[in-house]
Amino acid sequence: MVCRDQHEKVEDYISLLFRKDEHEFFRFMRVTKDTFKSLVKILEEGEHFNPERPHSTGPRPTAANTALAVTLWYLGNMCSQRDVAERFHISQGHACYLINVVVDALCD
């Protein structure tokens, strides 16, 4: 039986990223904080991540900043969607969905 070390899970990875200095943030996201904020605004103007959009009684929709961070992390690092999903505490299928929606929104 393999024993694994227990590590503390980071619950809100977005907050952790924004606490980093500009250089560290750029190293992880491959964009500056200002560019990140500008891209979030663009996503929020679209139909998928508009905070004004009514949603059903199901789970809350994923925030634009989380969707963008998931996408940039996946595109900027050599890791699997499974790794990204685990890092941001979402399902692998939802990570795939977010990446596709964000890329489509930013390419329009």
C-alpha atoms as a PDB file:
ATOM      1  CA  MET A   1       0.000   0.000   0.000  1.00  0.00           C
ATOM      2  CA  VAL A   2       1.329   3.425  -0.977  1.00  0.00           C
ATOM      3  CA  CYS A   3       1.133   6.128   1.666  1.00  0.00           C
ATOM      4  CA  ARG A   4       0.674   9.638   0.384  1.00  0.00           C
ATOM      5  CA  ASP A   5       1.514  12.836   2.165  1.00  0.00           C
ATOM      6  CA  GLN A   6      -1.481  14.948   3.059  1.00  0.00           C
ATOM      7  CA  HIS A   7      -1.373  18.426   1.543  1.00  0.00           C
ATOM      8  CA  GLU A   8      -3.579  21.363   2.327  1.00  0.00           C
ATOM      9  CA  LYS A   9      -6.002  22.044  -0.522  1.00  0.00           C
ATOM     10  CA  VAL A  10      -6.301  25.588  -1.773  1.00  0.00           C
ATOM     11  CA  GLU A  11     -10.013  26.386  -1.844  1.00  0.00           C
ATOM     12  CA  ASP A  12     -10.011  29.684  -3.757  1.00  0.00           C
ATOM     13  CA  TYR A  13      -7.188  29.543  -6.273  1.00  0.00           C
ATOM     14  CA  ILE A  14      -8.189  32.827  -7.934  1.00  0.00           C
ATOM     15  CA  SER A  15      -7.661  34.779  -4.698  1.00  0.00           C
ATOM     16  CA  LEU A  16      -4.312  33.079  -4.234  1.00  0.00           C
ATOM     17  CA  LEU A  17      -3.244  34.075  -7.750  1.00  0.00           C
ATOM     18  CA  PHE A  18      -4.175  37.720  -7.225  1.00  0.00           C
ATOM     19  CA  ARG A  19      -2.182  37.850  -3.983  1.00  0.00           C
ATOM     20  CA  LYS A  20       0.930  37.066  -6.005  1.00  0.00           C
ATOM     21  CA  ASP A  21       3.089  39.931  -7.254  1.00  0.00           C
ATOM     22  CA  GLU A  22       2.891  40.924 -10.919  1.00  0.00           C
ATOM     23  CA  HIS A  23       5.882  38.788 -11.934  1.00  0.00           C
ATOM     24  CA  GLU A  24       4.570  35.614 -10.254  1.00  0.00           C
ATOM     25  CA  PHE A  25       1.063  36.179 -11.632  1.00  0.00           C
ATOM     26  CA  PHE A  26       2.509  36.526 -15.131  1.00  0.00           C
ATOM     27  CA  ARG A  27       4.571  33.377 -14.658  1.00  0.00           C
ATOM     28  CA  PHE A  28       1.430  31.364 -13.838  1.00  0.00           C
ATOM     29  CA  MET A  29      -1.156  32.968 -16.144  1.00  0.00           C
ATOM     30  CA  ARG A  30       1.076  34.201 -19.014  1.00  0.00           C
ATOM     31  CA  VAL A  31      -0.743  37.571 -18.943  1.00  0.00           C
ATOM     32  CA  THR A  32      -0.518  40.608 -16.661  1.00  0.00           C
ATOM     33  CA  LYS A  33      -3.168  41.259 -14.018  1.00  0.00           C
ATOM     34  CA  ASP A  34      -4.495  44.193 -16.068  1.00  0.00           C
ATOM     35  CA  THR A  35      -4.801  42.037 -19.182  1.00  0.00           C
ATOM     36  CA  PHE A  36      -6.509  39.334 -17.132  1.00  0.00           C
ATOM     37  CA  LYS A  37      -9.058  41.866 -15.826  1.00  0.00           C
ATOM     38  CA  SER A  38      -9.654  43.183 -19.357  1.00  0.00           C
ATOM     39  CA  LEU A  39     -10.282  39.664 -20.655  1.00  0.00           C
ATOM     40  CA  VAL A  40     -12.711  38.991 -17.786  1.00  0.00           C
ATOM     41  CA  LYS A  41     -14.675  42.119 -18.787  1.00  0.00           C
ATOM     42  CA  ILE A  42     -14.837  40.877 -22.383  1.00  0.00           C
ATOM     43  CA  LEU A  43     -16.132  37.497 -21.208  1.00  0.00           C
ATOM     44  CA  GLU A  44     -18.718  39.134 -18.936  1.00  0.00           C
ATOM     45  CA  GLU A  45     -20.102  41.055 -21.907  1.00  0.00           C
ATOM     46  CA  GLY A  46     -20.875  37.773 -23.669  1.00  0.00           C
ATOM     47  CA  GLU A  47     -23.793  35.465 -23.086  1.00  0.00           C
ATOM     48  CA  HIS A  48     -22.085  32.735 -21.044  1.00  0.00           C
ATOM     49  CA  PHE A  49     -20.487  34.739 -18.252  1.00  0.00           C
ATOM     50  CA  ASN A  50     -22.706  37.815 -18.020  1.00  0.00           C
ATOM     51  CA  PRO A  51     -23.288  38.369 -14.268  1.00  0.00           C
ATOM     52  CA  GLU A  52     -26.719  39.888 -15.074  1.00  0.00           C
ATOM     53  CA  ARG A  53     -27.846  36.714 -16.843  1.00  0.00           C
ATOM     54  CA  PRO A  54     -30.609  34.902 -14.989  1.00  0.00           C
ATOM     55  CA  HIS A  55     -29.775  31.325 -14.090  1.00  0.00           C
ATOM     56  CA  SER A  56     -31.814  28.341 -13.037  1.00  0.00           C
ATOM     57  CA  THR A  57     -32.209  27.075  -9.499  1.00  0.00           C
ATOM     58  CA  GLY A  58     -29.277  24.707 -10.032  1.00  0.00           C
ATOM     59  CA  PRO A  59     -25.678  25.391  -9.069  1.00  0.00           C
ATOM     60  CA  ARG A  60     -24.329  28.904  -9.576  1.00  0.00           C
ATOM     61  CA  PRO A  61     -22.701  29.470 -12.954  1.00  0.00           C
ATOM     62  CA  THR A  62     -18.916  29.568 -13.047  1.00  0.00           C
ATOM     63  CA  ALA A  63     -17.528  33.095 -12.746  1.00  0.00           C
ATOM     64  CA  ALA A  64     -15.724  34.575 -15.748  1.00  0.00           C
ATOM     65  CA  ASN A  65     -12.491  34.989 -13.775  1.00  0.00           C
ATOM     66  CA  THR A  66     -12.477  31.307 -12.838  1.00  0.00           C
ATOM     67  CA  ALA A  67     -13.238  30.220 -16.406  1.00  0.00           C
ATOM     68  CA  LEU A  68     -10.455  32.441 -17.744  1.00  0.00           C
ATOM     69  CA  ALA A  69      -7.959  31.221 -15.152  1.00  0.00           C
ATOM     70  CA  VAL A  70      -8.801  27.592 -15.964  1.00  0.00           C
ATOM     71  CA  THR A  71      -8.302  28.277 -19.675  1.00  0.00           C
ATOM     72  CA  LEU A  72      -5.064  30.235 -19.316  1.00  0.00           C
ATOM     73  CA  TRP A  73      -3.631  27.678 -16.913  1.00  0.00           C
ATOM     74  CA  TYR A  74      -4.418  24.869 -19.337  1.00  0.00           C
ATOM     75  CA  LEU A  75      -3.058  26.715 -22.374  1.00  0.00           C
ATOM     76  CA  GLY A  76       0.020  28.066 -20.611  1.00  0.00           C
ATOM     77  CA  ASN A  77       1.216  25.001 -18.732  1.00  0.00           C
ATOM     78  CA  MET A  78       2.024  21.532 -19.881  1.00  0.00           C
ATOM     79  CA  CYS A  79      -0.614  19.731 -17.853  1.00  0.00           C
ATOM     80  CA  SER A  80      -3.746  17.733 -18.450  1.00  0.00           C
ATOM     81  CA  GLN A  81      -7.320  18.940 -18.110  1.00  0.00           C
ATOM     82  CA  ARG A  82      -7.575  16.565 -15.157  1.00  0.00           C
ATOM     83  CA  ASP A  83      -4.781  18.457 -13.377  1.00  0.00           C
ATOM     84  CA  VAL A  84      -6.427  21.801 -14.125  1.00  0.00           C
ATOM     85  CA  ALA A  85      -9.810  20.546 -12.920  1.00  0.00           C
ATOM     86  CA  GLU A  86      -8.302  19.333  -9.658  1.00  0.00           C
ATOM     87  CA  ARG A  87      -6.447  22.613  -9.109  1.00  0.00           C
ATOM     88  CA  PHE A  88      -9.615  24.684  -9.554  1.00  0.00           C
ATOM     89  CA  HIS A  89     -11.976  22.204  -7.822  1.00  0.00           C
ATOM     90  CA  ILE A  90     -14.194  21.523 -10.816  1.00  0.00           C
ATOM     91  CA  SER A  91     -14.989  18.359 -12.735  1.00  0.00           C
ATOM     92  CA  GLN A  92     -12.856  17.343 -15.686  1.00  0.00           C
ATOM     93  CA  GLY A  93     -15.849  17.648 -18.009  1.00  0.00           C
ATOM     94  CA  HIS A  94     -16.615  21.147 -16.740  1.00  0.00           C
ATOM     95  CA  ALA A  95     -12.977  22.177 -17.243  1.00  0.00           C
ATOM     96  CA  CYS A  96     -13.190  20.987 -20.860  1.00  0.00           C
ATOM     97  CA  TYR A  97     -16.448  22.886 -21.335  1.00  0.00           C
ATOM     98  CA  LEU A  98     -15.022  26.110 -19.834  1.00  0.00           C
ATOM     99  CA  ILE A  99     -11.884  25.945 -21.957  1.00  0.00           C
ATOM    100  CA  ASN A 100     -13.939  25.547 -25.139  1.00  0.00           C
ATOM    101  CA  VAL A 101     -16.383  28.343 -24.238  1.00  0.00           C
ATOM    102  CA  VAL A 102     -13.628  30.798 -23.257  1.00  0.00           C
ATOM    103  CA  VAL A 103     -11.527  30.109 -26.352  1.00  0.00           C
ATOM    104  CA  ASP A 104     -14.601  30.509 -28.572  1.00  0.00           C
ATOM    105  CA  ALA A 105     -15.611  33.753 -26.824  1.00  0.00           C
ATOM    106  CA  LEU A 106     -12.141  35.269 -27.103  1.00  0.00           C
ATOM    107  CA  CYS A 107     -11.738  34.256 -30.760  1.00  0.00           C
ATOM    108  CA  ASP A 108     -15.011  35.893 -31.843  1.00  0.00           C
END
